Amino acid sequence: MMKKITLTVNGSRFDIDVEAQFAAYLEQQIVRDFNPGGNNNFKALLQAYVRKNYELYELEKQLKALEARCTLS
């Protein structure tokens, strides 16, 4: 089942259809990174993009460290 998530950036409204199970998580992240009920500028969008990529970078580092420990066992 799909759910529609809406975000406004620079006066343009974007509707994104995502799986219902993912929608609750995404809504929480949007509240954390943006103004979900108002207009967001490109700077906010870029900051959220960089923040999420940093989180991904850190998670990949942790995953590689776990993989290295598992191969040593």
PDB file of N, CA and C in Angstrom:
ATOM      1  N   MET A   1       0.843  -1.187   0.000  1.00  0.00           N
ATOM      2  CA  MET A   1       0.000   0.000   0.000  1.00  0.00           C
ATOM      3  C   MET A   1       0.885   1.246   0.000  1.00  0.00           C
ATOM      4  N   MET A   2       0.520   2.210  -0.792  1.00  0.00           N
ATOM      5  CA  MET A   2       1.291   3.443  -0.923  1.00  0.00           C
ATOM      6  C   MET A   2       0.663   4.559  -0.093  1.00  0.00           C
ATOM      7  N   LYS A   3       1.519   5.484   0.336  1.00  0.00           N
ATOM      8  CA  LYS A   3       1.059   6.665   1.063  1.00  0.00           C
ATOM      9  C   LYS A   3       1.740   7.876   0.457  1.00  0.00           C
ATOM     10  N   LYS A   4       1.017   8.983   0.382  1.00  0.00           N
ATOM     11  CA  LYS A   4       1.539  10.206  -0.210  1.00  0.00           C
ATOM     12  C   LYS A   4       2.139  11.096   0.881  1.00  0.00           C
ATOM     13  N   ILE A   5       3.370  11.527   0.660  1.00  0.00           N
ATOM     14  CA  ILE A   5       4.062  12.468   1.543  1.00  0.00           C
ATOM     15  C   ILE A   5       4.237  13.756   0.744  1.00  0.00           C
ATOM     16  N   THR A   6       3.974  14.904   1.365  1.00  0.00           N
ATOM     17  CA  THR A   6       4.055  16.188   0.670  1.00  0.00           C
ATOM     18  C   THR A   6       5.079  17.084   1.345  1.00  0.00           C
ATOM     19  N   LEU A   7       5.891  17.739   0.515  1.00  0.00           N
ATOM     20  CA  LEU A   7       6.884  18.697   1.005  1.00  0.00           C
ATOM     21  C   LEU A   7       6.922  19.866   0.030  1.00  0.00           C
ATOM     22  N   THR A   8       6.971  21.076   0.570  1.00  0.00           N
ATOM     23  CA  THR A   8       7.042  22.272  -0.264  1.00  0.00           C
ATOM     24  C   THR A   8       8.454  22.846  -0.208  1.00  0.00           C
ATOM     25  N   VAL A   9       9.033  23.043  -1.402  1.00  0.00           N
ATOM     26  CA  VAL A   9      10.379  23.603  -1.526  1.00  0.00           C
ATOM     27  C   VAL A   9      10.310  24.761  -2.512  1.00  0.00           C
ATOM     28  N   ASN A  10      10.736  25.933  -2.041  1.00  0.00           N
ATOM     29  CA  ASN A  10      10.728  27.161  -2.848  1.00  0.00           C
ATOM     30  C   ASN A  10       9.391  27.397  -3.539  1.00  0.00           C
ATOM     31  N   GLY A  11       8.322  27.194  -2.806  1.00  0.00           N
ATOM     32  CA  GLY A  11       6.991  27.464  -3.315  1.00  0.00           C
ATOM     33  C   GLY A  11       6.394  26.379  -4.190  1.00  0.00           C
ATOM     34  N   SER A  12       7.162  25.334  -4.460  1.00  0.00           N
ATOM     35  CA  SER A  12       6.645  24.219  -5.264  1.00  0.00           C
ATOM     36  C   SER A  12       6.320  23.047  -4.345  1.00  0.00           C
ATOM     37  N   ARG A  13       5.146  22.520  -4.531  1.00  0.00           N
ATOM     38  CA  ARG A  13       4.688  21.395  -3.712  1.00  0.00           C
ATOM     39  C   ARG A  13       5.065  20.086  -4.404  1.00  0.00           C
ATOM     40  N   PHE A  14       5.685  19.196  -3.647  1.00  0.00           N
ATOM     41  CA  PHE A  14       6.086  17.897  -4.170  1.00  0.00           C
ATOM     42  C   PHE A  14       5.364  16.805  -3.403  1.00  0.00           C
ATOM     43  N   ASP A  15       4.634  15.971  -4.136  1.00  0.00           N
ATOM     44  CA  ASP A  15       3.951  14.822  -3.562  1.00  0.00           C
ATOM     45  C   ASP A  15       4.755  13.582  -3.931  1.00  0.00           C
ATOM     46  N   ILE A  16       5.108  12.798  -2.924  1.00  0.00           N
ATOM     47  CA  ILE A  16       5.924  11.611  -3.122  1.00  0.00           C
ATOM     48  C   ILE A  16       5.144  10.414  -2.611  1.00  0.00           C
ATOM     49  N   ASP A  17       4.985   9.409  -3.445  1.00  0.00           N
ATOM     50  CA  ASP A  17       4.316   8.176  -3.047  1.00  0.00           C
ATOM     51  C   ASP A  17       5.365   7.189  -2.544  1.00  0.00           C
ATOM     52  N   VAL A  18       5.184   6.716  -1.312  1.00  0.00           N
ATOM     53  CA  VAL A  18       6.103   5.744  -0.722  1.00  0.00           C
ATOM     54  C   VAL A  18       5.306   4.613  -0.089  1.00  0.00           C
ATOM     55  N   GLU A  19       5.977   3.498   0.148  1.00  0.00           N
ATOM     56  CA  GLU A  19       5.340   2.366   0.818  1.00  0.00           C
ATOM     57  C   GLU A  19       4.871   2.801   2.208  1.00  0.00           C
ATOM     58  N   ALA A  20       3.734   2.316   2.621  1.00  0.00           N
ATOM     59  CA  ALA A  20       3.138   2.707   3.895  1.00  0.00           C
ATOM     60  C   ALA A  20       4.065   2.431   5.075  1.00  0.00           C
ATOM     61  N   GLN A  21       4.775   1.297   5.036  1.00  0.00           N
ATOM     62  CA  GLN A  21       5.674   0.967   6.146  1.00  0.00           C
ATOM     63  C   GLN A  21       6.810   1.978   6.268  1.00  0.00           C
ATOM     64  N   PHE A  22       7.279   2.496   5.149  1.00  0.00           N
ATOM     65  CA  PHE A  22       8.362   3.473   5.139  1.00  0.00           C
ATOM     66  C   PHE A  22       7.847   4.873   5.449  1.00  0.00           C
ATOM     67  N   ALA A  23       6.580   5.138   5.172  1.00  0.00           N
ATOM     68  CA  ALA A  23       6.010   6.477   5.306  1.00  0.00           C
ATOM     69  C   ALA A  23       6.122   7.021   6.727  1.00  0.00           C
ATOM     70  N   ALA A  24       5.858   6.219   7.728  1.00  0.00           N
ATOM     71  CA  ALA A  24       5.926   6.700   9.114  1.00  0.00           C
ATOM     72  C   ALA A  24       7.338   7.152   9.454  1.00  0.00           C
ATOM     73  N   TYR A  25       8.334   6.368   9.036  1.00  0.00           N
ATOM     74  CA  TYR A  25       9.731   6.746   9.277  1.00  0.00           C
ATOM     75  C   TYR A  25      10.068   8.034   8.529  1.00  0.00           C
ATOM     76  N   LEU A  26       9.679   8.107   7.265  1.00  0.00           N
ATOM     77  CA  LEU A  26       9.985   9.280   6.449  1.00  0.00           C
ATOM     78  C   LEU A  26       9.330  10.532   7.016  1.00  0.00           C
ATOM     79  N   GLU A  27       8.112  10.423   7.484  1.00  0.00           N
ATOM     80  CA  GLU A  27       7.429  11.577   8.079  1.00  0.00           C
ATOM     81  C   GLU A  27       8.186  12.096   9.293  1.00  0.00           C
ATOM     82  N   GLN A  28       8.708  11.202  10.119  1.00  0.00           N
ATOM     83  CA  GLN A  28       9.505  11.617  11.284  1.00  0.00           C
ATOM     84  C   GLN A  28      10.765  12.348  10.844  1.00  0.00           C
ATOM     85  N   GLN A  29      11.406  11.851   9.811  1.00  0.00           N
ATOM     86  CA  GLN A  29      12.622  12.479   9.316  1.00  0.00           C
ATOM     87  C   GLN A  29      12.331  13.844   8.699  1.00  0.00           C
ATOM     88  N   ILE A  30      11.222  13.972   8.006  1.00  0.00           N
ATOM     89  CA  ILE A  30      10.844  15.257   7.413  1.00  0.00           C
ATOM     90  C   ILE A  30      10.597  16.281   8.504  1.00  0.00           C
ATOM     91  N   VAL A  31       9.948  15.871   9.582  1.00  0.00           N
ATOM     92  CA  VAL A  31       9.711  16.785  10.707  1.00  0.00           C
ATOM     93  C   VAL A  31      11.045  17.236  11.298  1.00  0.00           C
ATOM     94  N   ARG A  32      12.014  16.324  11.350  1.00  0.00           N
ATOM     95  CA  ARG A  32      13.330  16.643  11.903  1.00  0.00           C
ATOM     96  C   ARG A  32      14.139  17.567  10.989  1.00  0.00           C
ATOM     97  N   ASP A  33      14.014  17.375   9.680  1.00  0.00           N
ATOM     98  CA  ASP A  33      14.874  18.086   8.736  1.00  0.00           C
ATOM     99  C   ASP A  33      14.241  19.314   8.088  1.00  0.00           C
ATOM    100  N   PHE A  34      12.912  19.400   8.090  1.00  0.00           N
ATOM    101  CA  PHE A  34      12.241  20.466   7.348  1.00  0.00           C
ATOM    102  C   PHE A  34      11.099  21.066   8.156  1.00  0.00           C
ATOM    103  N   ASN A  35      10.479  22.066   7.571  1.00  0.00           N
ATOM    104  CA  ASN A  35       9.232  22.619   8.079  1.00  0.00           C
ATOM    105  C   ASN A  35       8.131  21.936   7.270  1.00  0.00           C
ATOM    106  N   PRO A  36       7.532  20.862   7.789  1.00  0.00           N
ATOM    107  CA  PRO A  36       6.608  20.063   6.972  1.00  0.00           C
ATOM    108  C   PRO A  36       5.341  20.804   6.549  1.00  0.00           C
ATOM    109  N   GLY A  37       4.905  21.782   7.309  1.00  0.00           N
ATOM    110  CA  GLY A  37       3.677  22.493   6.963  1.00  0.00           C
ATOM    111  C   GLY A  37       3.910  23.794   6.230  1.00  0.00           C
ATOM    112  N   GLY A  38       5.171  24.167   6.036  1.00  0.00           N
ATOM    113  CA  GLY A  38       5.468  25.446   5.401  1.00  0.00           C
ATOM    114  C   GLY A  38       6.383  25.289   4.210  1.00  0.00           C
ATOM    115  N   ASN A  39       6.914  26.416   3.798  1.00  0.00           N
ATOM    116  CA  ASN A  39       7.804  26.446   2.648  1.00  0.00           C
ATOM    117  C   ASN A  39       9.245  26.227   3.112  1.00  0.00           C
ATOM    118  N   ASN A  40       9.990  25.458   2.370  1.00  0.00           N
ATOM    119  CA  ASN A  40      11.393  25.194   2.665  1.00  0.00           C
ATOM    120  C   ASN A  40      12.230  25.720   1.505  1.00  0.00           C
ATOM    121  N   ASN A  41      13.399  26.274   1.830  1.00  0.00           N
ATOM    122  CA  ASN A  41      14.247  26.788   0.761  1.00  0.00           C
ATOM    123  C   ASN A  41      15.272  25.734   0.343  1.00  0.00           C
ATOM    124  N   PHE A  42      16.010  26.042  -0.716  1.00  0.00           N
ATOM    125  CA  PHE A  42      16.987  25.090  -1.225  1.00  0.00           C
ATOM    126  C   PHE A  42      18.115  24.836  -0.231  1.00  0.00           C
ATOM    127  N   LYS A  43      18.422  25.829   0.599  1.00  0.00           N
ATOM    128  CA  LYS A  43      19.476  25.648   1.603  1.00  0.00           C
ATOM    129  C   LYS A  43      19.082  24.546   2.585  1.00  0.00           C
ATOM    130  N   ALA A  44      17.837  24.533   3.029  1.00  0.00           N
ATOM    131  CA  ALA A  44      17.353  23.485   3.937  1.00  0.00           C
ATOM    132  C   ALA A  44      17.420  22.124   3.271  1.00  0.00           C
ATOM    133  N   LEU A  45      17.080  22.078   1.994  1.00  0.00           N
ATOM    134  CA  LEU A  45      17.133  20.824   1.246  1.00  0.00           C
ATOM    135  C   LEU A  45      18.574  20.323   1.136  1.00  0.00           C
ATOM    136  N   LEU A  46      19.496  21.215   0.818  1.00  0.00           N
ATOM    137  CA  LEU A  46      20.903  20.839   0.710  1.00  0.00           C
ATOM    138  C   LEU A  46      21.462  20.395   2.059  1.00  0.00           C
ATOM    139  N   GLN A  47      21.121  21.099   3.117  1.00  0.00           N
ATOM    140  CA  GLN A  47      21.588  20.721   4.452  1.00  0.00           C
ATOM    141  C   GLN A  47      21.079  19.335   4.831  1.00  0.00           C
ATOM    142  N   ALA A  48      19.827  19.046   4.542  1.00  0.00           N
ATOM    143  CA  ALA A  48      19.277  17.727   4.851  1.00  0.00           C
ATOM    144  C   ALA A  48      19.979  16.650   4.027  1.00  0.00           C
ATOM    145  N   TYR A  49      20.267  16.936   2.780  1.00  0.00           N
ATOM    146  CA  TYR A  49      20.960  15.988   1.913  1.00  0.00           C
ATOM    147  C   TYR A  49      22.348  15.676   2.458  1.00  0.00           C
ATOM    148  N   VAL A  50      23.083  16.701   2.836  1.00  0.00           N
ATOM    149  CA  VAL A  50      24.428  16.492   3.378  1.00  0.00           C
ATOM    150  C   VAL A  50      24.355  15.735   4.702  1.00  0.00           C
ATOM    151  N   ARG A  51      23.409  16.089   5.562  1.00  0.00           N
ATOM    152  CA  ARG A  51      23.253  15.417   6.860  1.00  0.00           C
ATOM    153  C   ARG A  51      22.946  13.928   6.664  1.00  0.00           C
ATOM    154  N   LYS A  52      22.057  13.611   5.738  1.00  0.00           N
ATOM    155  CA  LYS A  52      21.703  12.210   5.495  1.00  0.00           C
ATOM    156  C   LYS A  52      22.875  11.444   4.893  1.00  0.00           C
ATOM    157  N   ASN A  53      23.652  12.070   4.026  1.00  0.00           N
ATOM    158  CA  ASN A  53      24.819  11.395   3.472  1.00  0.00           C
ATOM    159  C   ASN A  53      25.882  11.167   4.533  1.00  0.00           C
ATOM    160  N   TYR A  54      26.017  12.084   5.472  1.00  0.00           N
ATOM    161  CA  TYR A  54      26.954  11.869   6.567  1.00  0.00           C
ATOM    162  C   TYR A  54      26.500  10.691   7.435  1.00  0.00           C
ATOM    163  N   GLU A  55      25.208  10.613   7.707  1.00  0.00           N
ATOM    164  CA  GLU A  55      24.682   9.483   8.476  1.00  0.00           C
ATOM    165  C   GLU A  55      24.954   8.167   7.737  1.00  0.00           C
ATOM    166  N   LEU A  56      24.754   8.149   6.436  1.00  0.00           N
ATOM    167  CA  LEU A  56      25.027   6.963   5.633  1.00  0.00           C
ATOM    168  C   LEU A  56      26.510   6.610   5.674  1.00  0.00           C
ATOM    169  N   TYR A  57      27.364   7.610   5.566  1.00  0.00           N
ATOM    170  CA  TYR A  57      28.812   7.417   5.647  1.00  0.00           C
ATOM    171  C   TYR A  57      29.196   6.754   6.971  1.00  0.00           C
ATOM    172  N   GLU A  58      28.661   7.261   8.062  1.00  0.00           N
ATOM    173  CA  GLU A  58      28.956   6.699   9.388  1.00  0.00           C
ATOM    174  C   GLU A  58      28.445   5.265   9.507  1.00  0.00           C
ATOM    175  N   LEU A  59      27.257   5.004   9.004  1.00  0.00           N
ATOM    176  CA  LEU A  59      26.710   3.648   9.056  1.00  0.00           C
ATOM    177  C   LEU A  59      27.539   2.677   8.226  1.00  0.00           C
ATOM    178  N   GLU A  60      28.007   3.113   7.062  1.00  0.00           N
ATOM    179  CA  GLU A  60      28.847   2.254   6.229  1.00  0.00           C
ATOM    180  C   GLU A  60      30.188   1.966   6.914  1.00  0.00           C
ATOM    181  N   LYS A  61      30.744   2.965   7.598  1.00  0.00           N
ATOM    182  CA  LYS A  61      31.984   2.735   8.358  1.00  0.00           C
ATOM    183  C   LYS A  61      31.758   1.689   9.440  1.00  0.00           C
ATOM    184  N   GLN A  62      30.649   1.794  10.155  1.00  0.00           N
ATOM    185  CA  GLN A  62      30.337   0.832  11.206  1.00  0.00           C
ATOM    186  C   GLN A  62      30.127  -0.562  10.625  1.00  0.00           C
ATOM    187  N   LEU A  63      29.457  -0.645   9.494  1.00  0.00           N
ATOM    188  CA  LEU A  63      29.220  -1.923   8.845  1.00  0.00           C
ATOM    189  C   LEU A  63      30.539  -2.569   8.419  1.00  0.00           C
ATOM    190  N   LYS A  64      31.432  -1.789   7.847  1.00  0.00           N
ATOM    191  CA  LYS A  64      32.734  -2.316   7.438  1.00  0.00           C
ATOM    192  C   LYS A  64      33.534  -2.790   8.646  1.00  0.00           C
ATOM    193  N   ALA A  65      33.459  -2.073   9.761  1.00  0.00           N
ATOM    194  CA  ALA A  65      34.151  -2.482  10.971  1.00  0.00           C
ATOM    195  C   ALA A  65      33.580  -3.798  11.495  1.00  0.00           C
ATOM    196  N   LEU A  66      32.262  -3.952  11.450  1.00  0.00           N
ATOM    197  CA  LEU A  66      31.633  -5.204  11.874  1.00  0.00           C
ATOM    198  C   LEU A  66      32.022  -6.354  10.948  1.00  0.00           C
ATOM    199  N   GLU A  67      32.042  -6.082   9.653  1.00  0.00           N
ATOM    200  CA  GLU A  67      32.448  -7.115   8.693  1.00  0.00           C
ATOM    201  C   GLU A  67      33.882  -7.550   8.948  1.00  0.00           C
ATOM    202  N   ALA A  68      34.750  -6.604   9.235  1.00  0.00           N
ATOM    203  CA  ALA A  68      36.167  -6.925   9.509  1.00  0.00           C
ATOM    204  C   ALA A  68      36.278  -7.776  10.758  1.00  0.00           C
ATOM    205  N   ARG A  69      35.489  -7.466  11.782  1.00  0.00           N
ATOM    206  CA  ARG A  69      35.528  -8.268  13.010  1.00  0.00           C
ATOM    207  C   ARG A  69      34.994  -9.672  12.779  1.00  0.00           C
ATOM    208  N   CYS A  70      33.985  -9.795  11.926  1.00  0.00           N
ATOM    209  CA  CYS A  70      33.393 -11.104  11.640  1.00  0.00           C
ATOM    210  C   CYS A  70      34.360 -11.977  10.854  1.00  0.00           C
ATOM    211  N   THR A  71      35.127 -11.401   9.967  1.00  0.00           N
ATOM    212  CA  THR A  71      36.073 -12.206   9.185  1.00  0.00           C
ATOM    213  C   THR A  71      37.265 -12.629  10.021  1.00  0.00           C
ATOM    214  N   LEU A  72      37.541 -11.916  11.099  1.00  0.00           N
ATOM    215  CA  LEU A  72      38.644 -12.284  11.982  1.00  0.00           C
ATOM    216  C   LEU A  72      38.269 -13.423  12.914  1.00  0.00           C
ATOM    217  N   SER A  73      36.994 -13.614  13.128  1.00  0.00           N
ATOM    218  CA  SER A  73      36.518 -14.649  14.062  1.00  0.00           C
ATOM    219  C   SER A  73      36.614 -16.024  13.473  1.00  0.00           C
TER     220      SER A  73
END
